N, C-alpha and C. Protein backbone atom coordinates (compact mmCIF):
# COMPACT_ATOMS: atom_id res chain seq x y z
N UNK A 1 -5.41 19.00 -1.09
CA UNK A 1 -4.26 18.51 -0.70
C UNK A 1 -3.01 19.08 -0.93
N UNK A 2 -2.09 19.24 -0.43
CA UNK A 2 -0.97 20.07 -1.20
C UNK A 2 -0.30 19.18 -2.29
N UNK A 3 0.81 20.09 -2.85
CA UNK A 3 1.88 19.24 -4.01
C UNK A 3 3.04 18.10 -3.07
N UNK A 4 2.99 18.27 -2.04
CA UNK A 4 4.03 17.58 -1.59
C UNK A 4 3.36 16.18 -1.09
N UNK A 5 1.96 16.41 -0.51
CA UNK A 5 1.11 15.36 -0.55
C UNK A 5 0.59 14.67 -1.63
N UNK A 6 0.19 15.19 -2.61
CA UNK A 6 0.30 14.82 -3.76
C UNK A 6 1.13 13.60 -4.76
N UNK A 7 2.42 13.75 -4.42
CA UNK A 7 3.68 13.77 -4.83
C UNK A 7 3.68 12.14 -4.08
N UNK A 8 3.70 11.92 -2.90
CA UNK A 8 3.74 10.75 -2.06
C UNK A 8 2.90 10.19 -2.40
N UNK A 9 1.40 10.50 -2.61
CA UNK A 9 0.22 9.66 -2.73
C UNK A 9 0.57 9.02 -3.74
N UNK A 10 1.49 9.64 -4.87
CA UNK A 10 1.39 9.26 -6.31
C UNK A 10 2.66 8.16 -6.40
N UNK A 11 3.75 8.76 -5.01
CA UNK A 11 4.62 7.69 -5.39
C UNK A 11 4.06 6.48 -5.04
N UNK A 12 2.91 6.39 -3.58
CA UNK A 12 2.43 5.08 -3.05
C UNK A 12 1.79 4.12 -4.32
N UNK A 13 0.95 5.02 -5.07
CA UNK A 13 0.04 4.29 -5.88
C UNK A 13 1.01 3.82 -7.36
N UNK A 14 2.23 4.67 -7.12
CA UNK A 14 2.72 3.69 -8.46
C UNK A 14 3.81 2.25 -7.89
N UNK A 15 4.14 2.42 -6.49
CA UNK A 15 4.61 1.35 -5.82
C UNK A 15 3.88 0.26 -5.99
N UNK A 16 2.40 0.51 -5.56
CA UNK A 16 1.74 -0.55 -5.49
C UNK A 16 0.95 -1.01 -6.57
N UNK A 17 1.04 0.03 -7.87
CA UNK A 17 0.65 -0.48 -9.42
C UNK A 17 2.34 -1.40 -9.55
N UNK A 18 3.16 -1.22 -9.50
CA UNK A 18 4.31 -2.28 -9.55
C UNK A 18 4.12 -3.63 -9.52
N UNK A 19 3.92 -3.22 -8.10
CA UNK A 19 3.61 -4.81 -7.52
C UNK A 19 2.47 -5.09 -7.89
N UNK A 20 1.71 -4.34 -8.58
CA UNK A 20 -0.06 -5.56 -8.61
C UNK A 20 0.76 -6.07 -10.34
N UNK A 21 1.44 -5.36 -11.05
CA UNK A 21 1.93 -6.04 -12.17
C UNK A 21 3.09 -6.33 -12.28
N UNK A 22 3.59 -6.94 -11.34
CA UNK A 22 4.51 -7.63 -11.01
C UNK A 22 5.72 -7.40 -11.62
N UNK A 23 6.04 -5.98 -11.17
CA UNK A 23 7.20 -4.90 -11.45
C UNK A 23 8.27 -5.21 -10.25
N UNK A 24 7.85 -5.54 -9.66
CA UNK A 24 8.67 -6.08 -8.26
C UNK A 24 7.94 -7.06 -7.36
N UNK A 25 8.86 -7.57 -6.50
CA UNK A 25 8.40 -8.86 -6.45
C UNK A 25 7.83 -8.62 -4.79
N UNK A 26 7.25 -9.16 -4.05
CA UNK A 26 6.79 -9.06 -2.46
C UNK A 26 7.61 -8.84 -1.53
N UNK A 27 8.77 -9.50 -1.69
CA UNK A 27 9.65 -8.80 -0.51
C UNK A 27 10.63 -7.00 -1.12
N UNK A 28 10.56 -7.06 -2.34
CA UNK A 28 10.96 -5.75 -2.86
C UNK A 28 9.82 -4.67 -2.44
N UNK A 29 8.32 -4.78 -2.26
CA UNK A 29 7.39 -4.33 -1.91
C UNK A 29 7.11 -3.93 -0.65
N UNK A 30 7.00 -4.99 0.07
CA UNK A 30 7.59 -4.81 1.57
C UNK A 30 7.96 -4.34 2.39
N UNK A 31 9.26 -4.50 1.46
CA UNK A 31 10.59 -3.78 1.78
C UNK A 31 10.79 -1.88 1.86
N UNK A 32 10.14 -1.83 0.43
CA UNK A 32 9.77 -0.05 -0.06
C UNK A 32 8.75 0.64 0.80
N UNK A 33 7.69 -0.02 0.44
CA UNK A 33 6.38 0.16 1.45
C UNK A 33 6.59 0.76 2.78
N UNK A 34 7.20 -0.49 3.59
CA UNK A 34 6.81 -0.82 5.28
C UNK A 34 7.99 0.81 5.10
N UNK A 35 9.32 0.64 4.78
CA UNK A 35 10.40 1.84 4.94
C UNK A 35 9.80 2.91 4.68
N UNK A 36 9.25 3.17 3.67
CA UNK A 36 8.30 4.78 3.80
C UNK A 36 7.33 5.33 4.38
N UNK A 37 6.89 3.99 4.75
CA UNK A 37 5.35 4.47 5.78
C UNK A 37 5.97 4.51 7.03
N UNK A 38 6.49 3.92 7.26
CA UNK A 38 7.33 4.09 8.68
C UNK A 38 7.96 5.43 9.20
N UNK A 39 8.71 5.63 8.29
CA UNK A 39 9.91 7.11 8.21
C UNK A 39 8.60 8.10 7.18
N UNK A 40 7.09 7.98 6.73
CA UNK A 40 6.43 8.85 6.21
C UNK A 40 6.47 10.47 7.23
N UNK A 41 7.00 11.61 6.45
CA UNK A 41 6.94 13.17 7.39
C UNK A 41 5.26 13.73 6.86
N UNK A 42 5.15 13.17 5.63
CA UNK A 42 3.61 14.18 5.34
C UNK A 42 2.68 13.25 6.01
N UNK A 43 1.34 14.47 6.77
CA UNK A 43 0.35 14.06 6.95
C UNK A 43 -0.70 14.27 6.06
N UNK A 44 -0.79 13.22 5.48
CA UNK A 44 -2.45 12.71 4.38
C UNK A 44 -4.10 12.90 5.50
N UNK A 45 -4.41 13.30 4.28
CA UNK A 45 -6.32 13.43 4.98
C UNK A 45 -5.93 11.82 5.68
N UNK A 46 -7.29 11.99 6.81
CA UNK A 46 -7.37 10.64 7.28
C UNK A 46 -7.95 9.47 6.65
N UNK A 47 -8.59 10.08 5.84
CA UNK A 47 -9.08 8.60 4.43
C UNK A 47 -7.75 7.84 3.95
N UNK A 48 -6.63 9.41 3.74
CA UNK A 48 -5.82 8.33 3.00
C UNK A 48 -4.69 7.41 3.87
N UNK A 49 -4.92 8.20 4.70
CA UNK A 49 -3.94 7.59 5.95
C UNK A 49 -4.43 6.45 6.20
N UNK A 50 -5.69 5.90 6.43
CA UNK A 50 -6.21 5.00 7.03
C UNK A 50 -6.15 3.73 5.73
N UNK A 51 -6.04 4.42 4.88
CA UNK A 51 -5.80 2.75 3.40
C UNK A 51 -4.35 2.73 3.77
N UNK A 52 -3.49 3.71 3.54
CA UNK A 52 -2.24 3.11 3.74
C UNK A 52 -1.95 2.47 5.05
N UNK A 53 -2.28 3.01 6.04
CA UNK A 53 -1.96 2.21 7.35
C UNK A 53 -2.71 1.11 7.48
N UNK A 54 -3.72 0.39 6.57
CA UNK A 54 -4.03 -0.87 6.61
C UNK A 54 -3.88 -1.65 5.83
N UNK A 55 -3.00 -1.13 4.52
CA UNK A 55 -2.10 -1.77 3.61
C UNK A 55 -0.86 -2.33 3.90
N UNK A 56 -0.17 -1.49 5.41
CA UNK A 56 0.55 -1.61 6.09
C UNK A 56 0.61 -2.58 6.83
N UNK A 57 -0.66 -3.00 7.44
CA UNK A 57 -0.95 -4.01 8.05
C UNK A 57 -1.18 -5.46 7.53
N UNK A 58 -1.31 -4.78 6.27
CA UNK A 58 -1.82 -6.39 5.52
C UNK A 58 -0.42 -6.79 5.21
N UNK A 59 0.59 -6.05 5.35
CA UNK A 59 2.10 -6.52 4.14
C UNK A 59 2.84 -7.15 5.92
N UNK A 60 2.48 -6.45 6.73
CA UNK A 60 2.57 -7.15 7.91
C UNK A 60 2.56 -8.76 8.54
N UNK A 61 1.11 -8.77 7.75
CA UNK A 61 0.42 -9.98 8.49
C UNK A 61 0.83 -11.24 6.78
N UNK A 62 1.54 -10.76 5.77
CA UNK A 62 1.85 -11.30 5.15
C UNK A 62 2.55 -12.40 6.00
N UNK A 63 2.33 -13.55 5.30
CA UNK A 63 3.16 -15.09 5.80
C UNK A 63 3.67 -15.91 4.66
N UNK A 64 4.30 -16.09 3.71
CA UNK A 64 4.48 -16.71 2.42
C UNK A 64 4.17 -18.35 2.76
N UNK A 65 5.36 -18.54 3.80
CA UNK A 65 4.59 -20.12 4.29
C UNK A 65 3.15 -20.50 4.64
N UNK A 66 2.39 -21.36 3.88
CA UNK A 66 1.33 -21.57 4.02
C UNK A 66 1.09 -21.89 5.33
N UNK A 67 2.01 -23.34 6.17
CA UNK A 67 2.56 -24.21 7.24
C UNK A 67 2.30 -23.28 8.33
N UNK A 68 2.68 -22.11 8.29
CA UNK A 68 3.66 -21.14 9.53
C UNK A 68 1.94 -19.93 9.53
N UNK A 69 0.84 -20.09 9.01
CA UNK A 69 0.34 -19.13 9.07
C UNK A 69 -0.71 -18.81 10.38
N UNK A 70 -0.49 -18.10 11.14
CA UNK A 70 -1.67 -18.05 11.75
C UNK A 70 -3.40 -17.33 10.99
N UNK A 71 -4.27 -17.10 12.23
CA UNK A 71 -5.42 -16.63 11.70
C UNK A 71 -5.05 -15.64 11.26
N UNK A 72 -4.23 -14.57 11.36
CA UNK A 72 -4.37 -13.04 10.95
C UNK A 72 -3.65 -13.32 9.89
N UNK A 73 -2.59 -14.07 9.59
CA UNK A 73 -1.87 -14.14 8.54
C UNK A 73 -2.59 -14.34 6.79
N UNK A 74 -2.03 -13.78 6.48
CA UNK A 74 -2.49 -14.12 4.81
C UNK A 74 -1.13 -14.58 3.49
N UNK A 75 -1.71 -15.15 2.66
CA UNK A 75 -0.92 -15.21 1.27
C UNK A 75 -0.88 -14.05 0.90
N UNK A 76 0.04 -14.57 -0.51
CA UNK A 76 0.45 -13.57 -2.06
C UNK A 76 -0.89 -13.13 -2.42
N UNK A 77 -2.10 -14.11 -2.77
CA UNK A 77 -2.89 -13.71 -3.33
C UNK A 77 -4.08 -12.54 -2.63
N UNK A 78 -4.12 -13.12 -1.21
CA UNK A 78 -4.56 -12.26 0.07
C UNK A 78 -4.13 -10.50 -0.69
N UNK A 79 -2.83 -10.62 -0.16
CA UNK A 79 -2.20 -9.85 -0.17
C UNK A 79 -2.54 -8.41 -1.52
N UNK A 80 -2.04 -9.60 -2.38
CA UNK A 80 -2.42 -8.71 -3.62
C UNK A 80 -3.64 -8.35 -4.07
N UNK A 81 -5.02 -9.05 -3.59
CA UNK A 81 -5.92 -8.50 -3.73
C UNK A 81 -6.38 -7.33 -2.24
N UNK A 82 -5.96 -7.34 -1.33
CA UNK A 82 -5.76 -6.30 -0.45
C UNK A 82 -5.28 -4.79 -1.11
N UNK A 83 -3.73 -5.26 -1.71
CA UNK A 83 -3.82 -4.06 -2.61
C UNK A 83 -4.54 -3.54 -3.64
N UNK A 84 -4.50 -4.12 -4.03
CA UNK A 84 -5.87 -3.48 -5.78
C UNK A 84 -6.36 -3.00 -4.96
N UNK A 85 -7.30 -3.26 -3.45
CA UNK A 85 -8.27 -2.46 -3.25
C UNK A 85 -7.49 -1.37 -2.70
N UNK A 86 -6.31 -1.11 -1.87
CA UNK A 86 -5.85 0.19 -1.45
C UNK A 86 -5.97 0.99 -2.89
N UNK A 87 -5.12 0.27 -3.79
CA UNK A 87 -4.41 1.22 -5.26
C UNK A 87 -5.86 2.22 -5.49
N UNK A 88 -7.11 1.12 -5.61
CA UNK A 88 -8.27 1.37 -6.17
C UNK A 88 -8.65 2.71 -5.52
N UNK A 89 -8.50 2.58 -3.97
CA UNK A 89 -9.35 3.78 -3.08
C UNK A 89 -8.29 4.76 -3.45
N UNK A 90 -6.81 4.72 -3.47
CA UNK A 90 -5.87 5.65 -3.46
C UNK A 90 -6.38 6.86 -5.02
N UNK A 91 -6.51 5.39 -6.12
CA UNK A 91 -6.24 6.39 -7.54
C UNK A 91 -7.78 6.83 -7.64
N UNK A 92 -8.71 6.72 -6.83
CA UNK A 92 -10.34 7.29 -6.55
C UNK A 92 -9.96 9.12 -6.23
N UNK A 93 -9.22 8.45 -5.08
CA UNK A 93 -8.84 9.74 -4.26
C UNK A 93 -8.38 11.24 -5.15
N UNK A 94 -7.30 10.23 -5.90
CA UNK A 94 -6.37 11.35 -6.80
C UNK A 94 -7.50 12.10 -7.56
N UNK A 95 -7.97 11.12 -8.47
CA UNK A 95 -9.26 11.59 -9.50
C UNK A 95 -10.15 12.75 -8.89
N UNK A 96 -10.51 12.38 -7.83
CA UNK A 96 -11.40 13.11 -7.03
C UNK A 96 -10.65 15.20 -6.99
N UNK A 97 -9.37 14.89 -6.73
CA UNK A 97 -8.54 16.45 -6.46
C UNK A 97 -9.04 17.16 -7.48
N UNK A 98 -9.09 18.90 -7.13
CA UNK A 98 -9.07 19.67 -8.31
C UNK A 98 -7.62 19.65 -8.95
N UNK A 99 -7.82 20.37 -10.08
CA UNK A 99 -6.76 20.23 -10.97
C UNK A 99 -6.51 21.78 -10.98
């Protein structure tokens, strides 16, 4: 993976980590992640793209109001769990890369 790709991947892992550690709230996470991902110019390996794309869909499915959630909507706890799984996958990929 190129240095630019690695840098962008580190950006996403740090952003997710900040969300998981509650350094940023859900609205900031949603705005930053979605804005960056929608405008991404880096081509990631398919396995990384899939993780990021799935998390993007999870963020889109987030609805804070339990009374307005449909079958495909998720709450904060589920979003945090899905973000945690994405973070684990991205970190594992980074750790597998040659130095």
